[in-house]
Amino acid sequence: MFGRFGYFVGDEMFACCPIHPKSHDLWIRLSATDQARALGAAGIRPHRRFAGRGWIECDLESPEALPRAVRWLRRAHELAVRRTGGPG
């Protein structure tokens, strides 16, 4: 989707990452509260088109950015499980 790998719980996409090796922006869908909290961190910005739906863009330019991204990915996965009622 959009030239990216999508991550789903049922039909609910909660994250996607680029297929191209030179791209380093992970897209993550969060609740409004989590989105506001995430946007306070360095390397995270509102998604250029889908920010109103809770999406953020997280730059993964270095290994130091991974723990932050994983934390938000977990939150996005939890939200998707709640929305779908699925097991995850």
PDB file of N, CA and C in Angstrom:
ATOM      1  N   MET A   1       0.844  -1.181   0.000  1.00  0.00           N
ATOM      2  CA  MET A   1       0.000   0.000   0.000  1.00  0.00           C
ATOM      3  C   MET A   1       0.888   1.242   0.000  1.00  0.00           C
ATOM      4  N   PHE A   2       0.671   2.136  -0.907  1.00  0.00           N
ATOM      5  CA  PHE A   2       1.446   3.380  -1.039  1.00  0.00           C
ATOM      6  C   PHE A   2       2.941   3.096  -1.204  1.00  0.00           C
ATOM      7  N   GLY A   3       3.321   1.932  -1.726  1.00  0.00           N
ATOM      8  CA  GLY A   3       4.732   1.581  -1.828  1.00  0.00           C
ATOM      9  C   GLY A   3       5.344   1.293  -0.473  1.00  0.00           C
ATOM     10  N   ARG A   4       4.558   0.715   0.431  1.00  0.00           N
ATOM     11  CA  ARG A   4       4.995   0.457   1.801  1.00  0.00           C
ATOM     12  C   ARG A   4       4.506  -0.906   2.247  1.00  0.00           C
ATOM     13  N   PHE A   5       5.159  -1.436   3.270  1.00  0.00           N
ATOM     14  CA  PHE A   5       4.685  -2.629   3.959  1.00  0.00           C
ATOM     15  C   PHE A   5       3.712  -2.178   5.029  1.00  0.00           C
ATOM     16  N   GLY A   6       2.508  -2.744   5.051  1.00  0.00           N
ATOM     17  CA  GLY A   6       1.509  -2.385   6.046  1.00  0.00           C
ATOM     18  C   GLY A   6       1.449  -3.418   7.156  1.00  0.00           C
ATOM     19  N   TYR A   7       1.148  -2.974   8.351  1.00  0.00           N
ATOM     20  CA  TYR A   7       0.993  -3.843   9.523  1.00  0.00           C
ATOM     21  C   TYR A   7      -0.437  -3.701  10.012  1.00  0.00           C
ATOM     22  N   PHE A   8      -1.125  -4.827  10.148  1.00  0.00           N
ATOM     23  CA  PHE A   8      -2.558  -4.851  10.401  1.00  0.00           C
ATOM     24  C   PHE A   8      -2.921  -5.702  11.606  1.00  0.00           C
ATOM     25  N   VAL A   9      -4.034  -5.340  12.231  1.00  0.00           N
ATOM     26  CA  VAL A   9      -4.790  -6.200  13.124  1.00  0.00           C
ATOM     27  C   VAL A   9      -6.146  -6.320  12.441  1.00  0.00           C
ATOM     28  N   GLY A  10      -6.456  -7.489  11.923  1.00  0.00           N
ATOM     29  CA  GLY A  10      -7.661  -7.629  11.114  1.00  0.00           C
ATOM     30  C   GLY A  10      -7.566  -6.711   9.909  1.00  0.00           C
ATOM     31  N   ASP A  11      -8.578  -5.880   9.724  1.00  0.00           N
ATOM     32  CA  ASP A  11      -8.583  -4.908   8.625  1.00  0.00           C
ATOM     33  C   ASP A  11      -7.992  -3.559   9.019  1.00  0.00           C
ATOM     34  N   GLU A  12      -7.578  -3.423  10.251  1.00  0.00           N
ATOM     35  CA  GLU A  12      -7.096  -2.145  10.790  1.00  0.00           C
ATOM     36  C   GLU A  12      -5.586  -2.022  10.605  1.00  0.00           C
ATOM     37  N   MET A  13      -5.156  -1.086   9.743  1.00  0.00           N
ATOM     38  CA  MET A  13      -3.725  -0.837   9.590  1.00  0.00           C
ATOM     39  C   MET A  13      -3.283   0.111  10.694  1.00  0.00           C
ATOM     40  N   PHE A  14      -2.219  -0.272  11.404  1.00  0.00           N
ATOM     41  CA  PHE A  14      -1.733   0.572  12.493  1.00  0.00           C
ATOM     42  C   PHE A  14      -0.338   1.125  12.238  1.00  0.00           C
ATOM     43  N   ALA A  15       0.348   0.626  11.220  1.00  0.00           N
ATOM     44  CA  ALA A  15       1.675   1.146  10.892  1.00  0.00           C
ATOM     45  C   ALA A  15       2.047   0.711   9.482  1.00  0.00           C
ATOM     46  N   CYS A  16       2.979   1.444   8.898  1.00  0.00           N
ATOM     47  CA  CYS A  16       3.550   1.003   7.629  1.00  0.00           C
ATOM     48  C   CYS A  16       4.948   1.603   7.483  1.00  0.00           C
ATOM     49  N   CYS A  17       5.794   0.840   6.824  1.00  0.00           N
ATOM     50  CA  CYS A  17       7.171   1.288   6.624  1.00  0.00           C
ATOM     51  C   CYS A  17       7.500   1.202   5.141  1.00  0.00           C
ATOM     52  N   PRO A  18       8.492   1.958   4.700  1.00  0.00           N
ATOM     53  CA  PRO A  18       8.803   2.025   3.276  1.00  0.00           C
ATOM     54  C   PRO A  18       9.436   0.741   2.761  1.00  0.00           C
ATOM     55  N   ILE A  19       9.192   0.484   1.496  1.00  0.00           N
ATOM     56  CA  ILE A  19       9.815  -0.650   0.816  1.00  0.00           C
ATOM     57  C   ILE A  19      11.232  -0.278   0.385  1.00  0.00           C
ATOM     58  N   HIS A  20      11.425   0.957   0.011  1.00  0.00           N
ATOM     59  CA  HIS A  20      12.703   1.417  -0.530  1.00  0.00           C
ATOM     60  C   HIS A  20      13.752   1.554   0.572  1.00  0.00           C
ATOM     61  N   PRO A  21      14.936   0.984   0.382  1.00  0.00           N
ATOM     62  CA  PRO A  21      15.962   0.999   1.432  1.00  0.00           C
ATOM     63  C   PRO A  21      16.457   2.392   1.821  1.00  0.00           C
ATOM     64  N   LYS A  22      16.302   3.377   0.941  1.00  0.00           N
ATOM     65  CA  LYS A  22      16.789   4.719   1.271  1.00  0.00           C
ATOM     66  C   LYS A  22      15.772   5.545   2.042  1.00  0.00           C
ATOM     67  N   SER A  23      14.565   5.035   2.205  1.00  0.00           N
ATOM     68  CA  SER A  23      13.529   5.738   2.969  1.00  0.00           C
ATOM     69  C   SER A  23      13.573   5.259   4.417  1.00  0.00           C
ATOM     70  N   HIS A  24      13.397   6.193   5.335  1.00  0.00           N
ATOM     71  CA  HIS A  24      13.529   5.863   6.757  1.00  0.00           C
ATOM     72  C   HIS A  24      12.382   6.396   7.603  1.00  0.00           C
ATOM     73  N   ASP A  25      11.223   6.614   7.007  1.00  0.00           N
ATOM     74  CA  ASP A  25      10.116   7.174   7.780  1.00  0.00           C
ATOM     75  C   ASP A  25       9.039   6.110   8.022  1.00  0.00           C
ATOM     76  N   LEU A  26       8.844   5.795   9.267  1.00  0.00           N
ATOM     77  CA  LEU A  26       7.829   4.839   9.690  1.00  0.00           C
ATOM     78  C   LEU A  26       6.552   5.610   9.982  1.00  0.00           C
ATOM     79  N   TRP A  27       5.439   5.148   9.445  1.00  0.00           N
ATOM     80  CA  TRP A  27       4.145   5.780   9.711  1.00  0.00           C
ATOM     81  C   TRP A  27       3.432   4.969  10.782  1.00  0.00           C
ATOM     82  N   ILE A  28       2.887   5.645  11.779  1.00  0.00           N
ATOM     83  CA  ILE A  28       2.230   4.985  12.903  1.00  0.00           C
ATOM     84  C   ILE A  28       0.914   5.701  13.188  1.00  0.00           C
ATOM     85  N   ARG A  29      -0.155   4.919  13.390  1.00  0.00           N
ATOM     86  CA  ARG A  29      -1.463   5.501  13.714  1.00  0.00           C
ATOM     87  C   ARG A  29      -1.719   5.373  15.215  1.00  0.00           C
ATOM     88  N   LEU A  30      -1.951   6.512  15.852  1.00  0.00           N
ATOM     89  CA  LEU A  30      -2.131   6.570  17.302  1.00  0.00           C
ATOM     90  C   LEU A  30      -3.475   7.185  17.655  1.00  0.00           C
ATOM     91  N   SER A  31      -3.841   7.049  18.913  1.00  0.00           N
ATOM     92  CA  SER A  31      -5.005   7.782  19.422  1.00  0.00           C
ATOM     93  C   SER A  31      -4.652   9.264  19.437  1.00  0.00           C
ATOM     94  N   ALA A  32      -5.642  10.119  19.556  1.00  0.00           N
ATOM     95  CA  ALA A  32      -5.389  11.566  19.581  1.00  0.00           C
ATOM     96  C   ALA A  32      -4.467  11.940  20.741  1.00  0.00           C
ATOM     97  N   THR A  33      -4.679  11.326  21.894  1.00  0.00           N
ATOM     98  CA  THR A  33      -3.850  11.614  23.072  1.00  0.00           C
ATOM     99  C   THR A  33      -2.408  11.188  22.840  1.00  0.00           C
ATOM    100  N   ASP A  34      -2.216   9.963  22.345  1.00  0.00           N
ATOM    101  CA  ASP A  34      -0.859   9.478  22.086  1.00  0.00           C
ATOM    102  C   ASP A  34      -0.187  10.254  20.961  1.00  0.00           C
ATOM    103  N   GLN A  35      -0.967  10.647  19.953  1.00  0.00           N
ATOM    104  CA  GLN A  35      -0.398  11.424  18.862  1.00  0.00           C
ATOM    105  C   GLN A  35       0.164  12.738  19.406  1.00  0.00           C
ATOM    106  N   ALA A  36      -0.591  13.410  20.251  1.00  0.00           N
ATOM    107  CA  ALA A  36      -0.132  14.679  20.831  1.00  0.00           C
ATOM    108  C   ALA A  36       1.142  14.472  21.647  1.00  0.00           C
ATOM    109  N   ARG A  37       1.201  13.390  22.404  1.00  0.00           N
ATOM    110  CA  ARG A  37       2.400  13.100  23.210  1.00  0.00           C
ATOM    111  C   ARG A  37       3.595  12.787  22.312  1.00  0.00           C
ATOM    112  N   ALA A  38       3.371  12.001  21.265  1.00  0.00           N
ATOM    113  CA  ALA A  38       4.458  11.605  20.373  1.00  0.00           C
ATOM    114  C   ALA A  38       5.046  12.807  19.639  1.00  0.00           C
ATOM    115  N   LEU A  39       4.197  13.751  19.278  1.00  0.00           N
ATOM    116  CA  LEU A  39       4.668  14.897  18.498  1.00  0.00           C
ATOM    117  C   LEU A  39       5.613  15.799  19.269  1.00  0.00           C
ATOM    118  N   GLY A  40       5.723  15.611  20.561  1.00  0.00           N
ATOM    119  CA  GLY A  40       6.679  16.384  21.351  1.00  0.00           C
ATOM    120  C   GLY A  40       8.103  15.863  21.255  1.00  0.00           C
ATOM    121  N   ALA A  41       8.295  14.694  20.652  1.00  0.00           N
ATOM    122  CA  ALA A  41       9.624  14.082  20.582  1.00  0.00           C
ATOM    123  C   ALA A  41      10.353  14.466  19.291  1.00  0.00           C
ATOM    124  N   ALA A  42      11.666  14.478  19.382  1.00  0.00           N
ATOM    125  CA  ALA A  42      12.483  14.755  18.200  1.00  0.00           C
ATOM    126  C   ALA A  42      12.311  13.633  17.185  1.00  0.00           C
ATOM    127  N   GLY A  43      12.309  13.968  15.918  1.00  0.00           N
ATOM    128  CA  GLY A  43      12.232  12.974  14.857  1.00  0.00           C
ATOM    129  C   GLY A  43      10.828  12.469  14.576  1.00  0.00           C
ATOM    130  N   ILE A  44       9.825  13.081  15.216  1.00  0.00           N
ATOM    131  CA  ILE A  44       8.436  12.691  14.973  1.00  0.00           C
ATOM    132  C   ILE A  44       7.675  13.926  14.526  1.00  0.00           C
ATOM    133  N   ARG A  45       6.899  13.764  13.465  1.00  0.00           N
ATOM    134  CA  ARG A  45       6.117  14.882  12.947  1.00  0.00           C
ATOM    135  C   ARG A  45       4.734  14.369  12.542  1.00  0.00           C
ATOM    136  N   PRO A  46       3.774  15.278  12.415  1.00  0.00           N
ATOM    137  CA  PRO A  46       2.457  14.851  11.934  1.00  0.00           C
ATOM    138  C   PRO A  46       2.581  14.314  10.507  1.00  0.00           C
ATOM    139  N   HIS A  47       1.814  13.313  10.192  1.00  0.00           N
ATOM    140  CA  HIS A  47       1.817  12.800   8.827  1.00  0.00           C
ATOM    141  C   HIS A  47       1.335  13.916   7.902  1.00  0.00           C
ATOM    142  N   ARG A  48       1.968  14.054   6.765  1.00  0.00           N
ATOM    143  CA  ARG A  48       1.670  15.190   5.877  1.00  0.00           C
ATOM    144  C   ARG A  48       0.254  15.180   5.323  1.00  0.00           C
ATOM    145  N   ARG A  49      -0.387  14.014   5.213  1.00  0.00           N
ATOM    146  CA  ARG A  49      -1.756  13.961   4.688  1.00  0.00           C
ATOM    147  C   ARG A  49      -2.773  13.381   5.668  1.00  0.00           C
ATOM    148  N   PHE A  50      -2.329  12.524   6.579  1.00  0.00           N
ATOM    149  CA  PHE A  50      -3.269  11.803   7.431  1.00  0.00           C
ATOM    150  C   PHE A  50      -3.145  12.144   8.915  1.00  0.00           C
ATOM    151  N   ALA A  51      -2.578  13.281   9.237  1.00  0.00           N
ATOM    152  CA  ALA A  51      -2.419  13.670  10.641  1.00  0.00           C
ATOM    153  C   ALA A  51      -3.766  13.753  11.353  1.00  0.00           C
ATOM    154  N   GLY A  52      -4.798  14.185  10.652  1.00  0.00           N
ATOM    155  CA  GLY A  52      -6.121  14.300  11.250  1.00  0.00           C
ATOM    156  C   GLY A  52      -6.737  12.964  11.631  1.00  0.00           C
ATOM    157  N   ARG A  53      -6.162  11.876  11.142  1.00  0.00           N
ATOM    158  CA  ARG A  53      -6.638  10.531  11.474  1.00  0.00           C
ATOM    159  C   ARG A  53      -5.742   9.853  12.497  1.00  0.00           C
ATOM    160  N   GLY A  54      -4.808  10.607  13.082  1.00  0.00           N
ATOM    161  CA  GLY A  54      -3.948  10.066  14.129  1.00  0.00           C
ATOM    162  C   GLY A  54      -2.584   9.594  13.673  1.00  0.00           C
ATOM    163  N   TRP A  55      -2.262   9.755  12.398  1.00  0.00           N
ATOM    164  CA  TRP A  55      -0.995   9.257  11.873  1.00  0.00           C
ATOM    165  C   TRP A  55       0.153  10.221  12.154  1.00  0.00           C
ATOM    166  N   ILE A  56       1.302   9.627  12.481  1.00  0.00           N
ATOM    167  CA  ILE A  56       2.551  10.374  12.634  1.00  0.00           C
ATOM    168  C   ILE A  56       3.590   9.754  11.705  1.00  0.00           C
ATOM    169  N   GLU A  57       4.648  10.498  11.451  1.00  0.00           N
ATOM    170  CA  GLU A  57       5.810   9.994  10.732  1.00  0.00           C
ATOM    171  C   GLU A  57       6.973  10.006  11.700  1.00  0.00           C
ATOM    172  N   CYS A  58       7.638   8.890  11.799  1.00  0.00           N
ATOM    173  CA  CYS A  58       8.752   8.729  12.735  1.00  0.00           C
ATOM    174  C   CYS A  58      10.013   8.446  11.925  1.00  0.00           C
ATOM    175  N   ASP A  59      11.007   9.318  12.041  1.00  0.00           N
ATOM    176  CA  ASP A  59      12.265   9.125  11.321  1.00  0.00           C
ATOM    177  C   ASP A  59      13.105   8.059  12.014  1.00  0.00           C
ATOM    178  N   LEU A  60      13.585   7.107  11.226  1.00  0.00           N
ATOM    179  CA  LEU A  60      14.446   6.043  11.750  1.00  0.00           C
ATOM    180  C   LEU A  60      15.812   6.143  11.090  1.00  0.00           C
ATOM    181  N   GLU A  61      16.474   7.237  11.347  1.00  0.00           N
ATOM    182  CA  GLU A  61      17.764   7.512  10.734  1.00  0.00           C
ATOM    183  C   GLU A  61      18.923   6.837  11.459  1.00  0.00           C
ATOM    184  N   SER A  62      18.719   6.450  12.722  1.00  0.00           N
ATOM    185  CA  SER A  62      19.802   5.861  13.501  1.00  0.00           C
ATOM    186  C   SER A  62      19.249   4.790  14.438  1.00  0.00           C
ATOM    187  N   PRO A  63      20.108   3.900  14.910  1.00  0.00           N
ATOM    188  CA  PRO A  63      19.652   2.868  15.846  1.00  0.00           C
ATOM    189  C   PRO A  63      19.071   3.444  17.145  1.00  0.00           C
ATOM    190  N   GLU A  64      19.498   4.636  17.522  1.00  0.00           N
ATOM    191  CA  GLU A  64      18.992   5.262  18.738  1.00  0.00           C
ATOM    192  C   GLU A  64      17.501   5.599  18.635  1.00  0.00           C
ATOM    193  N   ALA A  65      16.989   5.733  17.430  1.00  0.00           N
ATOM    194  CA  ALA A  65      15.575   6.062  17.230  1.00  0.00           C
ATOM    195  C   ALA A  65      14.660   4.844  17.387  1.00  0.00           C
ATOM    196  N   LEU A  66      15.217   3.652  17.353  1.00  0.00           N
ATOM    197  CA  LEU A  66      14.394   2.440  17.378  1.00  0.00           C
ATOM    198  C   LEU A  66      13.597   2.237  18.667  1.00  0.00           C
ATOM    199  N   PRO A  67      14.167   2.409  19.856  1.00  0.00           N
ATOM    200  CA  PRO A  67      13.357   2.198  21.062  1.00  0.00           C
ATOM    201  C   PRO A  67      12.129   3.105  21.124  1.00  0.00           C
ATOM    202  N   ARG A  68      12.279   4.343  20.719  1.00  0.00           N
ATOM    203  CA  ARG A  68      11.153   5.276  20.698  1.00  0.00           C
ATOM    204  C   ARG A  68      10.090   4.784  19.718  1.00  0.00           C
ATOM    205  N   ALA A  69      10.512   4.374  18.532  1.00  0.00           N
ATOM    206  CA  ALA A  69       9.574   3.900  17.527  1.00  0.00           C
ATOM    207  C   ALA A  69       8.848   2.638  17.987  1.00  0.00           C
ATOM    208  N   VAL A  70       9.560   1.731  18.608  1.00  0.00           N
ATOM    209  CA  VAL A  70       8.941   0.493  19.095  1.00  0.00           C
ATOM    210  C   VAL A  70       7.899   0.797  20.168  1.00  0.00           C
ATOM    211  N   ARG A  71       8.188   1.739  21.031  1.00  0.00           N
ATOM    212  CA  ARG A  71       7.219   2.127  22.069  1.00  0.00           C
ATOM    213  C   ARG A  71       5.917   2.619  21.433  1.00  0.00           C
ATOM    214  N   TRP A  72       6.026   3.476  20.410  1.00  0.00           N
ATOM    215  CA  TRP A  72       4.821   3.987  19.753  1.00  0.00           C
ATOM    216  C   TRP A  72       4.149   2.907  18.911  1.00  0.00           C
ATOM    217  N   LEU A  73       4.928   2.007  18.330  1.00  0.00           N
ATOM    218  CA  LEU A  73       4.334   0.884  17.599  1.00  0.00           C
ATOM    219  C   LEU A  73       3.491   0.009  18.520  1.00  0.00           C
ATOM    220  N   ARG A  74       3.995  -0.245  19.716  1.00  0.00           N
ATOM    221  CA  ARG A  74       3.220  -1.032  20.685  1.00  0.00           C
ATOM    222  C   ARG A  74       1.907  -0.351  21.028  1.00  0.00           C
ATOM    223  N   ARG A  75       1.964   0.950  21.242  1.00  0.00           N
ATOM    224  CA  ARG A  75       0.741   1.699  21.555  1.00  0.00           C
ATOM    225  C   ARG A  75      -0.234   1.641  20.377  1.00  0.00           C
ATOM    226  N   ALA A  76       0.272   1.759  19.157  1.00  0.00           N
ATOM    227  CA  ALA A  76      -0.579   1.698  17.966  1.00  0.00           C
ATOM    228  C   ALA A  76      -1.205   0.314  17.832  1.00  0.00           C
ATOM    229  N   HIS A  77      -0.430  -0.729  18.103  1.00  0.00           N
ATOM    230  CA  HIS A  77      -0.950  -2.091  18.027  1.00  0.00           C
ATOM    231  C   HIS A  77      -2.050  -2.294  19.069  1.00  0.00           C
ATOM    232  N   GLU A  78      -1.824  -1.842  20.287  1.00  0.00           N
ATOM    233  CA  GLU A  78      -2.841  -1.953  21.344  1.00  0.00           C
ATOM    234  C   GLU A  78      -4.134  -1.256  20.932  1.00  0.00           C
ATOM    235  N   LEU A  79      -4.017  -0.074  20.346  1.00  0.00           N
ATOM    236  CA  LEU A  79      -5.197   0.667  19.889  1.00  0.00           C
ATOM    237  C   LEU A  79      -5.932  -0.109  18.798  1.00  0.00           C
ATOM    238  N   ALA A  80      -5.194  -0.676  17.845  1.00  0.00           N
ATOM    239  CA  ALA A  80      -5.814  -1.445  16.763  1.00  0.00           C
ATOM    240  C   ALA A  80      -6.535  -2.670  17.317  1.00  0.00           C
ATOM    241  N   VAL A  81      -5.959  -3.314  18.310  1.00  0.00           N
ATOM    242  CA  VAL A  81      -6.616  -4.473  18.935  1.00  0.00           C
ATOM    243  C   VAL A  81      -7.903  -4.034  19.602  1.00  0.00           C
ATOM    244  N   ARG A  82      -7.886  -2.919  20.317  1.00  0.00           N
ATOM    245  CA  ARG A  82      -9.107  -2.423  20.957  1.00  0.00           C
ATOM    246  C   ARG A  82     -10.164  -2.065  19.920  1.00  0.00           C
ATOM    247  N   ARG A  83      -9.755  -1.430  18.826  1.00  0.00           N
ATOM    248  CA  ARG A  83     -10.719  -1.004  17.793  1.00  0.00           C
ATOM    249  C   ARG A  83     -11.369  -2.196  17.103  1.00  0.00           C
ATOM    250  N   THR A  84     -10.603  -3.247  16.880  1.00  0.00           N
ATOM    251  CA  THR A  84     -11.136  -4.386  16.127  1.00  0.00           C
ATOM    252  C   THR A  84     -11.708  -5.468  17.031  1.00  0.00           C
ATOM    253  N   GLY A  85     -11.346  -5.425  18.311  1.00  0.00           N
ATOM    254  CA  GLY A  85     -11.760  -6.491  19.206  1.00  0.00           C
ATOM    255  C   GLY A  85     -11.004  -7.776  18.936  1.00  0.00           C
ATOM    256  N   GLY A  86      -9.931  -7.664  18.150  1.00  0.00           N
ATOM    257  CA  GLY A  86      -9.147  -8.836  17.760  1.00  0.00           C
ATOM    258  C   GLY A  86      -8.105  -9.215  18.777  1.00  0.00           C
ATOM    259  N   PRO A  87      -7.524 -10.394  18.608  1.00  0.00           N
ATOM    260  CA  PRO A  87      -6.521 -10.883  19.548  1.00  0.00           C
ATOM    261  C   PRO A  87      -5.155 -10.246  19.350  1.00  0.00           C
ATOM    262  N   GLY A  88      -4.919  -9.613  18.221  1.00  0.00           N
ATOM    263  CA  GLY A  88      -3.625  -9.014  17.972  1.00  0.00           C
ATOM    264  C   GLY A  88      -2.741  -9.965  17.309  1.00  0.00           C
TER     265      GLY A  88
END
